[in-house]
């Protein structure tokens, strides 16, 4: 599927809203409905959308969330993209999956630590980072938002936008790569209007459905077993030491460790629900 976000590359001023999404509103309802929806639900089109973070095409763990938030506090979304053209360029590169030598997970890039978006993500991921390292979190974690445009809160639509269909396509690629999928707001992700992605996602085995409202990637919020699964998915450690905080001794692909029997490995995988 072609990436519809590439059409924003040459755009330097708002609204940052792809043509096909606007056309869908008009087709399904009318232009007045579009304007009313944007105004009543405080959709913020003055900044580039963040439908996903990281690289869903290569990530080892993918978080399914609802929508990118919006803030006017401090170094806010608007101020960041207005005062820092390089950041706006990075956001567009994120839309096009062109990360170069930069960490794919844009909002865990420490050069943007003064930005409220970084603060939001760091607060929720810091325990995970302590377990798997900055690099593993930045490189191997991804997030896909159900709705791509910024807003303070979310209100659903009775139809699906093309931009959402592209996000569903990315999710399918993540599942083909056997990524661990963590699902929040499953009532939205499992909505039948989303098409065949619903069946794909329901039947996918390597997933965790999160019932807590909090987005914190912690042992207390996810539960010990789920948190350990996430850490194991993200870590590239292969030490095979059962006391290792990075891989729990379960990621080793090499048959060089004589101190741990296959039976011990199976018991550990069973304990963490990974068998």
C-alpha atoms as a PDB file:
ATOM      1  CA  UNK A   1       0.000   0.000   0.000  1.00  0.00           C
ATOM      2  CA  UNK A   2       1.312   3.454  -0.899  1.00  0.00           C
ATOM      3  CA  UNK A   3       2.137   5.742   1.995  1.00  0.00           C
ATOM      4  CA  UNK A   4      -0.410   8.625   1.843  1.00  0.00           C
ATOM      5  CA  UNK A   5       1.610  10.761   4.252  1.00  0.00           C
ATOM      6  CA  UNK A   6       4.275  11.452   1.633  1.00  0.00           C
ATOM      7  CA  UNK A   7       1.986  14.075   0.118  1.00  0.00           C
ATOM      8  CA  UNK A   8       2.688  16.315   3.141  1.00  0.00           C
ATOM      9  CA  UNK A   9       6.423  16.440   2.340  1.00  0.00           C
ATOM     10  CA  UNK A  10       6.244  19.623   0.280  1.00  0.00           C
ATOM     11  CA  UNK A  11       3.626  21.257   2.498  1.00  0.00           C
ATOM     12  CA  UNK A  12       4.952  24.047   4.727  1.00  0.00           C
ATOM     13  CA  UNK A  13       1.752  25.438   6.223  1.00  0.00           C
ATOM     14  CA  UNK A  14      -1.430  24.000   7.771  1.00  0.00           C
ATOM     15  CA  UNK A  15      -3.833  22.365   7.630  1.00  0.00           C
ATOM     16  CA  UNK A  16      -1.830  19.126   7.661  1.00  0.00           C
ATOM     17  CA  UNK A  17      -4.660  16.897   6.486  1.00  0.00           C
ATOM     18  CA  UNK A  18      -4.267  14.444   3.632  1.00  0.00           C
ATOM     19  CA  UNK A  19      -6.531  14.873   0.615  1.00  0.00           C
ATOM     20  CA  UNK A  20      -8.068  11.410   0.768  1.00  0.00           C
ATOM     21  CA  UNK A  21      -9.170  11.885   4.381  1.00  0.00           C
ATOM     22  CA  UNK A  22     -10.871  15.163   3.526  1.00  0.00           C
ATOM     23  CA  UNK A  23     -12.549  13.484   0.548  1.00  0.00           C
ATOM     24  CA  UNK A  24     -13.821  10.657   2.766  1.00  0.00           C
ATOM     25  CA  UNK A  25     -15.540  13.139   5.082  1.00  0.00           C
ATOM     26  CA  UNK A  26     -17.197  14.837   2.118  1.00  0.00           C
ATOM     27  CA  UNK A  27     -18.235  11.539   0.545  1.00  0.00           C
ATOM     28  CA  UNK A  28     -19.628  10.015   3.745  1.00  0.00           C
ATOM     29  CA  UNK A  29     -21.227  13.210   5.039  1.00  0.00           C
ATOM     30  CA  UNK A  30     -20.472  16.710   3.716  1.00  0.00           C
ATOM     31  CA  UNK A  31     -18.088  19.630   4.126  1.00  0.00           C
ATOM     32  CA  UNK A  32     -20.116  21.075   7.010  1.00  0.00           C
ATOM     33  CA  UNK A  33     -19.798  17.800   8.908  1.00  0.00           C
ATOM     34  CA  UNK A  34     -16.029  17.905   8.470  1.00  0.00           C
ATOM     35  CA  UNK A  35     -15.710  21.443   9.819  1.00  0.00           C
ATOM     36  CA  UNK A  36     -18.082  20.703  12.684  1.00  0.00           C
ATOM     37  CA  UNK A  37     -16.182  17.552  13.625  1.00  0.00           C
ATOM     38  CA  UNK A  38     -12.806  19.288  13.587  1.00  0.00           C
ATOM     39  CA  UNK A  39     -14.092  22.163  15.697  1.00  0.00           C
ATOM     40  CA  UNK A  40     -16.246  20.258  18.192  1.00  0.00           C
ATOM     41  CA  UNK A  41     -13.661  17.576  18.866  1.00  0.00           C
ATOM     42  CA  UNK A  42     -10.691  19.958  18.842  1.00  0.00           C
ATOM     43  CA  UNK A  43      -8.721  18.216  16.119  1.00  0.00           C
ATOM     44  CA  UNK A  44      -5.437  20.049  15.747  1.00  0.00           C
ATOM     45  CA  UNK A  45      -4.350  20.257  12.102  1.00  0.00           C
ATOM     46  CA  UNK A  46      -1.841  23.080  12.560  1.00  0.00           C
ATOM     47  CA  UNK A  47       0.927  20.529  13.200  1.00  0.00           C
ATOM     48  CA  UNK A  48       1.965  17.378  11.388  1.00  0.00           C
ATOM     49  CA  UNK A  49       0.172  14.245  12.550  1.00  0.00           C
ATOM     50  CA  UNK A  50       1.865  11.390  14.365  1.00  0.00           C
ATOM     51  CA  UNK A  51      -0.079   8.280  13.319  1.00  0.00           C
ATOM     52  CA  UNK A  52       2.820   6.092  14.441  1.00  0.00           C
ATOM     53  CA  UNK A  53       6.206   6.258  16.145  1.00  0.00           C
ATOM     54  CA  UNK A  54       9.235   4.054  15.680  1.00  0.00           C
ATOM     55  CA  UNK A  55       9.406   1.709  12.722  1.00  0.00           C
ATOM     56  CA  UNK A  56       6.366  -0.611  12.675  1.00  0.00           C
ATOM     57  CA  UNK A  57       7.899  -2.418   9.684  1.00  0.00           C
ATOM     58  CA  UNK A  58      10.827  -3.657  11.795  1.00  0.00           C
ATOM     59  CA  UNK A  59       9.835  -3.210  15.452  1.00  0.00           C
ATOM     60  CA  UNK A  60       9.920  -6.136  17.846  1.00  0.00           C
ATOM     61  CA  UNK A  61       7.055  -4.772  19.960  1.00  0.00           C
ATOM     62  CA  UNK A  62       4.198  -2.520  18.817  1.00  0.00           C
ATOM     63  CA  UNK A  63       1.847  -0.557  21.085  1.00  0.00           C
ATOM     64  CA  UNK A  64      -1.670   0.029  19.742  1.00  0.00           C
ATOM     65  CA  UNK A  65      -2.997   3.272  21.219  1.00  0.00           C
ATOM     66  CA  UNK A  66      -5.874   5.621  20.436  1.00  0.00           C
ATOM     67  CA  UNK A  67      -4.648   8.994  19.131  1.00  0.00           C
ATOM     68  CA  UNK A  68      -1.729  11.422  19.504  1.00  0.00           C
ATOM     69  CA  UNK A  69      -2.468  13.998  22.173  1.00  0.00           C
ATOM     70  CA  UNK A  70      -2.065  17.747  22.003  1.00  0.00           C
ATOM     71  CA  UNK A  71      -0.637  20.260  24.454  1.00  0.00           C
ATOM     72  CA  UNK A  72      -0.149  24.028  24.594  1.00  0.00           C
ATOM     73  CA  UNK A  73       1.999  23.905  27.755  1.00  0.00           C
ATOM     74  CA  UNK A  74       5.712  24.762  27.789  1.00  0.00           C
ATOM     75  CA  UNK A  75       7.564  23.601  24.693  1.00  0.00           C
ATOM     76  CA  UNK A  76       4.264  22.470  23.222  1.00  0.00           C
ATOM     77  CA  UNK A  77       3.441  20.718  19.976  1.00  0.00           C
ATOM     78  CA  UNK A  78       2.815  24.029  18.193  1.00  0.00           C
ATOM     79  CA  UNK A  79       5.894  25.786  19.612  1.00  0.00           C
ATOM     80  CA  UNK A  80       8.105  22.810  18.853  1.00  0.00           C
ATOM     81  CA  UNK A  81       7.164  22.594  15.201  1.00  0.00           C
ATOM     82  CA  UNK A  82       7.150  26.389  14.809  1.00  0.00           C
ATOM     83  CA  UNK A  83      10.481  27.170  16.500  1.00  0.00           C
ATOM     84  CA  UNK A  84      12.408  24.068  15.478  1.00  0.00           C
ATOM     85  CA  UNK A  85      12.225  23.360  11.725  1.00  0.00           C
ATOM     86  CA  UNK A  86      14.561  20.389  12.187  1.00  0.00           C
ATOM     87  CA  UNK A  87      11.974  18.763  14.429  1.00  0.00           C
ATOM     88  CA  UNK A  88       9.243  19.321  11.856  1.00  0.00           C
ATOM     89  CA  UNK A  89      11.517  17.651   9.313  1.00  0.00           C
ATOM     90  CA  UNK A  90      11.990  14.690  11.661  1.00  0.00           C
ATOM     91  CA  UNK A  91       8.226  14.352  12.080  1.00  0.00           C
ATOM     92  CA  UNK A  92       7.824  14.181   8.291  1.00  0.00           C
ATOM     93  CA  UNK A  93      10.645  11.644   8.078  1.00  0.00           C
ATOM     94  CA  UNK A  94       8.818   9.601  10.700  1.00  0.00           C
ATOM     95  CA  UNK A  95       5.709   9.704   8.500  1.00  0.00           C
ATOM     96  CA  UNK A  96       7.780   8.359   5.596  1.00  0.00           C
ATOM     97  CA  UNK A  97       9.728   5.754   7.655  1.00  0.00           C
ATOM     98  CA  UNK A  98      12.996   7.505   6.795  1.00  0.00           C
ATOM     99  CA  UNK A  99      14.942   7.552  10.053  1.00  0.00           C
ATOM    100  CA  UNK A 100      18.511   7.541   8.761  1.00  0.00           C
ATOM    101  CA  UNK A 101      20.907   7.332  11.719  1.00  0.00           C
ATOM    102  CA  UNK A 102      18.349   8.764  14.155  1.00  0.00           C
ATOM    103  CA  UNK A 103      16.459   6.621  16.675  1.00  0.00           C
ATOM    104  CA  UNK A 104      13.233   5.470  14.979  1.00  0.00           C
ATOM    105  CA  UNK A 105      11.179   6.207  18.101  1.00  0.00           C
ATOM    106  CA  UNK A 106      11.237   9.975  17.635  1.00  0.00           C
ATOM    107  CA  UNK A 107       9.755  10.919  21.014  1.00  0.00           C
ATOM    108  CA  UNK A 108      12.379   8.927  22.902  1.00  0.00           C
ATOM    109  CA  UNK A 109      15.215  10.751  21.138  1.00  0.00           C
ATOM    110  CA  UNK A 110      17.068  12.508  23.977  1.00  0.00           C
ATOM    111  CA  UNK A 111      17.898  15.559  21.862  1.00  0.00           C
ATOM    112  CA  UNK A 112      14.208  16.480  22.216  1.00  0.00           C
ATOM    113  CA  UNK A 113      14.113  16.044  26.001  1.00  0.00           C
ATOM    114  CA  UNK A 114      12.813  19.618  26.449  1.00  0.00           C
ATOM    115  CA  UNK A 115       9.676  18.839  24.417  1.00  0.00           C
ATOM    116  CA  UNK A 116       6.430  17.895  26.189  1.00  0.00           C
ATOM    117  CA  UNK A 117       5.952  14.904  23.876  1.00  0.00           C
ATOM    118  CA  UNK A 118       9.282  13.460  24.996  1.00  0.00           C
ATOM    119  CA  UNK A 119       8.317  14.032  28.627  1.00  0.00           C
ATOM    120  CA  UNK A 120       5.029  12.177  28.167  1.00  0.00           C
ATOM    121  CA  UNK A 121       6.704   9.144  26.631  1.00  0.00           C
ATOM    122  CA  UNK A 122       9.708   9.071  28.972  1.00  0.00           C
ATOM    123  CA  UNK A 123       7.470   9.154  32.036  1.00  0.00           C
ATOM    124  CA  UNK A 124       5.658   6.073  30.747  1.00  0.00           C
ATOM    125  CA  UNK A 125       8.670   4.186  29.391  1.00  0.00           C
ATOM    126  CA  UNK A 126      11.422   4.914  31.937  1.00  0.00           C
ATOM    127  CA  UNK A 127      11.027   1.624  33.853  1.00  0.00           C
ATOM    128  CA  UNK A 128      11.128  -0.260  30.561  1.00  0.00           C
ATOM    129  CA  UNK A 129      14.211   1.697  29.473  1.00  0.00           C
ATOM    130  CA  UNK A 130      15.957   0.806  32.732  1.00  0.00           C
ATOM    131  CA  UNK A 131      15.355  -2.867  31.965  1.00  0.00           C
ATOM    132  CA  UNK A 132      16.167  -3.061  28.246  1.00  0.00           C
ATOM    133  CA  UNK A 133      18.388   0.037  27.635  1.00  0.00           C
ATOM    134  CA  UNK A 134      17.750   3.281  25.783  1.00  0.00           C
ATOM    135  CA  UNK A 135      18.956   1.838  22.505  1.00  0.00           C
ATOM    136  CA  UNK A 136      16.664  -1.182  22.565  1.00  0.00           C
ATOM    137  CA  UNK A 137      13.641   0.978  23.409  1.00  0.00           C
ATOM    138  CA  UNK A 138      14.478   3.547  20.720  1.00  0.00           C
ATOM    139  CA  UNK A 139      15.223   0.970  18.029  1.00  0.00           C
ATOM    140  CA  UNK A 140      12.836  -1.914  18.711  1.00  0.00           C
ATOM    141  CA  UNK A 141       9.673  -0.277  20.079  1.00  0.00           C
ATOM    142  CA  UNK A 142       6.920   1.189  17.892  1.00  0.00           C
ATOM    143  CA  UNK A 143       3.494   2.691  18.441  1.00  0.00           C
ATOM    144  CA  UNK A 144       0.511   2.874  16.085  1.00  0.00           C
ATOM    145  CA  UNK A 145      -2.362   5.243  16.867  1.00  0.00           C
ATOM    146  CA  UNK A 146      -5.871   4.243  15.852  1.00  0.00           C
ATOM    147  CA  UNK A 147      -6.637   7.833  14.813  1.00  0.00           C
ATOM    148  CA  UNK A 148      -3.690   9.755  13.324  1.00  0.00           C
ATOM    149  CA  UNK A 149      -4.480  13.413  14.034  1.00  0.00           C
ATOM    150  CA  UNK A 150      -3.632  15.331  17.216  1.00  0.00           C
ATOM    151  CA  UNK A 151      -6.358  16.207  19.717  1.00  0.00           C
ATOM    152  CA  UNK A 152      -6.859  16.649  23.449  1.00  0.00           C
ATOM    153  CA  UNK A 153      -9.433  13.847  23.487  1.00  0.00           C
ATOM    154  CA  UNK A 154     -10.885  11.321  21.070  1.00  0.00           C
ATOM    155  CA  UNK A 155     -14.317  10.985  19.538  1.00  0.00           C
ATOM    156  CA  UNK A 156     -14.919   8.242  17.018  1.00  0.00           C
ATOM    157  CA  UNK A 157     -16.101   8.427  13.434  1.00  0.00           C
ATOM    158  CA  UNK A 158     -18.773   6.263  11.772  1.00  0.00           C
ATOM    159  CA  UNK A 159     -16.350   5.524   8.917  1.00  0.00           C
ATOM    160  CA  UNK A 160     -12.663   4.724   8.386  1.00  0.00           C
ATOM    161  CA  UNK A 161     -10.181   7.145   6.818  1.00  0.00           C
ATOM    162  CA  UNK A 162      -7.527   6.209   4.282  1.00  0.00           C
ATOM    163  CA  UNK A 163      -4.835   7.243   6.751  1.00  0.00           C
ATOM    164  CA  UNK A 164      -6.242   4.705   9.213  1.00  0.00           C
ATOM    165  CA  UNK A 165      -6.194   2.004   6.538  1.00  0.00           C
ATOM    166  CA  UNK A 166      -2.502   2.688   6.051  1.00  0.00           C
ATOM    167  CA  UNK A 167      -1.960   2.224   9.783  1.00  0.00           C
ATOM    168  CA  UNK A 168      -3.838  -1.095   9.560  1.00  0.00           C
ATOM    169  CA  UNK A 169      -1.502  -2.073   6.728  1.00  0.00           C
ATOM    170  CA  UNK A 170       1.514  -1.319   8.936  1.00  0.00           C
ATOM    171  CA  UNK A 171       0.001  -3.418  11.709  1.00  0.00           C
ATOM    172  CA  UNK A 172      -0.351  -6.346   9.310  1.00  0.00           C
ATOM    173  CA  UNK A 173       3.322  -6.027   8.427  1.00  0.00           C
ATOM    174  CA  UNK A 174       4.210  -6.028  12.130  1.00  0.00           C
ATOM    175  CA  UNK A 175       2.260  -9.243  12.608  1.00  0.00           C
ATOM    176  CA  UNK A 176       3.971 -10.818   9.603  1.00  0.00           C
ATOM    177  CA  UNK A 177       7.246 -10.050  11.376  1.00  0.00           C
ATOM    178  CA  UNK A 178       5.921 -11.753  14.539  1.00  0.00           C
ATOM    179  CA  UNK A 179       6.188  -8.594  16.633  1.00  0.00           C
ATOM    180  CA  UNK A 180       4.668  -8.599  20.109  1.00  0.00           C
ATOM    181  CA  UNK A 181       1.470  -6.504  19.927  1.00  0.00           C
ATOM    182  CA  UNK A 182       0.126  -4.693  23.011  1.00  0.00           C
ATOM    183  CA  UNK A 183      -3.448  -3.456  22.594  1.00  0.00           C
ATOM    184  CA  UNK A 184      -5.095  -0.629  24.502  1.00  0.00           C
ATOM    185  CA  UNK A 185      -8.623   0.581  23.597  1.00  0.00           C
ATOM    186  CA  UNK A 186      -9.472  -2.745  21.998  1.00  0.00           C
ATOM    187  CA  UNK A 187     -13.097  -1.689  21.415  1.00  0.00           C
ATOM    188  CA  UNK A 188     -11.789   0.685  18.734  1.00  0.00           C
ATOM    189  CA  UNK A 189      -9.224  -1.698  17.256  1.00  0.00           C
ATOM    190  CA  UNK A 190     -11.763  -4.556  17.158  1.00  0.00           C
ATOM    191  CA  UNK A 191     -14.528  -2.455  15.578  1.00  0.00           C
ATOM    192  CA  UNK A 192     -15.906  -4.392  12.593  1.00  0.00           C
ATOM    193  CA  UNK A 193     -15.847  -1.314  10.343  1.00  0.00           C
ATOM    194  CA  UNK A 194     -12.047  -1.616  10.326  1.00  0.00           C
ATOM    195  CA  UNK A 195     -12.263  -4.529   7.892  1.00  0.00           C
ATOM    196  CA  UNK A 196     -10.129  -7.670   7.818  1.00  0.00           C
ATOM    197  CA  UNK A 197      -7.548  -6.271  10.243  1.00  0.00           C
ATOM    198  CA  UNK A 198     -10.018  -7.126  13.035  1.00  0.00           C
ATOM    199  CA  UNK A 199      -9.975 -10.842  12.200  1.00  0.00           C
ATOM    200  CA  UNK A 200      -6.195 -10.755  11.736  1.00  0.00           C
ATOM    201  CA  UNK A 201      -5.693  -9.115  15.107  1.00  0.00           C
ATOM    202  CA  UNK A 202      -8.130 -11.317  17.028  1.00  0.00           C
ATOM    203  CA  UNK A 203      -6.497 -14.474  15.658  1.00  0.00           C
ATOM    204  CA  UNK A 204      -2.937 -13.247  16.208  1.00  0.00           C
ATOM    205  CA  UNK A 205      -1.287 -15.176  19.042  1.00  0.00           C
ATOM    206  CA  UNK A 206       1.651 -12.970  20.018  1.00  0.00           C
ATOM    207  CA  UNK A 207      -0.400 -10.183  21.565  1.00  0.00           C
ATOM    208  CA  UNK A 208      -1.364  -8.784  24.946  1.00  0.00           C
ATOM    209  CA  UNK A 209      -4.686  -7.033  25.586  1.00  0.00           C
ATOM    210  CA  UNK A 210      -4.173  -4.313  28.185  1.00  0.00           C
ATOM    211  CA  UNK A 211      -7.219  -3.511  30.318  1.00  0.00           C
ATOM    212  CA  UNK A 212      -5.623  -0.754  32.415  1.00  0.00           C
ATOM    213  CA  UNK A 213      -6.340   2.777  31.205  1.00  0.00           C
ATOM    214  CA  UNK A 214      -2.820   3.922  32.059  1.00  0.00           C
ATOM    215  CA  UNK A 215      -0.221   3.791  29.267  1.00  0.00           C
ATOM    216  CA  UNK A 216       2.681   3.237  31.665  1.00  0.00           C
ATOM    217  CA  UNK A 217       4.984   0.454  30.507  1.00  0.00           C
ATOM    218  CA  UNK A 218       5.669  -0.816  34.002  1.00  0.00           C
ATOM    219  CA  UNK A 219       5.463  -4.097  35.872  1.00  0.00           C
ATOM    220  CA  UNK A 220       2.677  -2.732  38.090  1.00  0.00           C
ATOM    221  CA  UNK A 221       0.561  -1.558  35.172  1.00  0.00           C
ATOM    222  CA  UNK A 222       1.107  -4.418  32.726  1.00  0.00           C
ATOM    223  CA  UNK A 223       1.553  -7.195  35.260  1.00  0.00           C
ATOM    224  CA  UNK A 224       4.815  -9.050  35.854  1.00  0.00           C
ATOM    225  CA  UNK A 225       4.256 -11.650  33.142  1.00  0.00           C
ATOM    226  CA  UNK A 226       3.296  -9.128  30.444  1.00  0.00           C
ATOM    227  CA  UNK A 227       6.081  -6.726  31.395  1.00  0.00           C
ATOM    228  CA  UNK A 228       8.603  -9.557  31.164  1.00  0.00           C
ATOM    229  CA  UNK A 229       7.279 -10.528  27.735  1.00  0.00           C
ATOM    230  CA  UNK A 230       7.717  -6.947  26.542  1.00  0.00           C
ATOM    231  CA  UNK A 231      11.252  -6.728  27.934  1.00  0.00           C
ATOM    232  CA  UNK A 232      12.164 -10.044  26.349  1.00  0.00           C
ATOM    233  CA  UNK A 233      10.783  -8.958  22.962  1.00  0.00           C
ATOM    234  CA  UNK A 234      12.736  -5.698  22.964  1.00  0.00           C
ATOM    235  CA  UNK A 235      16.048  -6.933  24.291  1.00  0.00           C
ATOM    236  CA  UNK A 236      18.753  -8.201  21.993  1.00  0.00           C
ATOM    237  CA  UNK A 237      20.685  -9.765  24.846  1.00  0.00           C
ATOM    238  CA  UNK A 238      21.659 -13.408  24.266  1.00  0.00           C
ATOM    239  CA  UNK A 239      23.533 -14.186  27.461  1.00  0.00           C
ATOM    240  CA  UNK A 240      21.035 -16.928  28.415  1.00  0.00           C
ATOM    241  CA  UNK A 241      21.559 -16.175  32.103  1.00  0.00           C
ATOM    242  CA  UNK A 242      18.240 -16.803  33.931  1.00  0.00           C
ATOM    243  CA  UNK A 243      19.093 -13.922  36.287  1.00  0.00           C
ATOM    244  CA  UNK A 244      19.655 -11.463  33.441  1.00  0.00           C
ATOM    245  CA  UNK A 245      17.345  -8.441  33.715  1.00  0.00           C
ATOM    246  CA  UNK A 246      17.446  -7.926  29.959  1.00  0.00           C
ATOM    247  CA  UNK A 247      16.466 -11.237  28.456  1.00  0.00           C
ATOM    248  CA  UNK A 248      15.424 -13.476  31.397  1.00  0.00           C
ATOM    249  CA  UNK A 249      17.572 -16.173  29.850  1.00  0.00           C
ATOM    250  CA  UNK A 250      15.018 -16.815  27.106  1.00  0.00           C
ATOM    251  CA  UNK A 251      16.395 -15.097  24.012  1.00  0.00           C
ATOM    252  CA  UNK A 252      19.466 -17.203  23.341  1.00  0.00           C
ATOM    253  CA  UNK A 253      19.568 -18.584  19.802  1.00  0.00           C
ATOM    254  CA  UNK A 254      22.964 -20.263  20.262  1.00  0.00           C
ATOM    255  CA  UNK A 255      23.605 -23.666  21.802  1.00  0.00           C
ATOM    256  CA  UNK A 256      26.685 -22.603  23.764  1.00  0.00           C
ATOM    257  CA  UNK A 257      25.348 -22.444  27.305  1.00  0.00           C
ATOM    258  CA  UNK A 258      26.074 -25.700  29.135  1.00  0.00           C
ATOM    259  CA  UNK A 259      24.835 -24.456  32.502  1.00  0.00           C
ATOM    260  CA  UNK A 260      21.148 -24.291  31.598  1.00  0.00           C
ATOM    261  CA  UNK A 261      19.322 -27.338  30.323  1.00  0.00           C
ATOM    262  CA  UNK A 262      16.541 -27.271  27.772  1.00  0.00           C
ATOM    263  CA  UNK A 263      14.170 -28.345  30.557  1.00  0.00           C
ATOM    264  CA  UNK A 264      15.107 -25.260  32.581  1.00  0.00           C
ATOM    265  CA  UNK A 265      14.511 -23.027  29.564  1.00  0.00           C
ATOM    266  CA  UNK A 266      11.097 -24.595  28.966  1.00  0.00           C
ATOM    267  CA  UNK A 267      10.140 -24.129  32.623  1.00  0.00           C
ATOM    268  CA  UNK A 268      11.103 -20.467  32.494  1.00  0.00           C
ATOM    269  CA  UNK A 269       9.187 -19.876  29.269  1.00  0.00           C
ATOM    270  CA  UNK A 270       6.139 -21.613  30.756  1.00  0.00           C
ATOM    271  CA  UNK A 271       6.345 -19.455  33.885  1.00  0.00           C
ATOM    272  CA  UNK A 272       6.229 -16.278  31.789  1.00  0.00           C
ATOM    273  CA  UNK A 273       3.553 -17.600  29.447  1.00  0.00           C
ATOM    274  CA  UNK A 274       5.838 -17.746  26.417  1.00  0.00           C
ATOM    275  CA  UNK A 275       5.601 -21.443  25.544  1.00  0.00           C
END
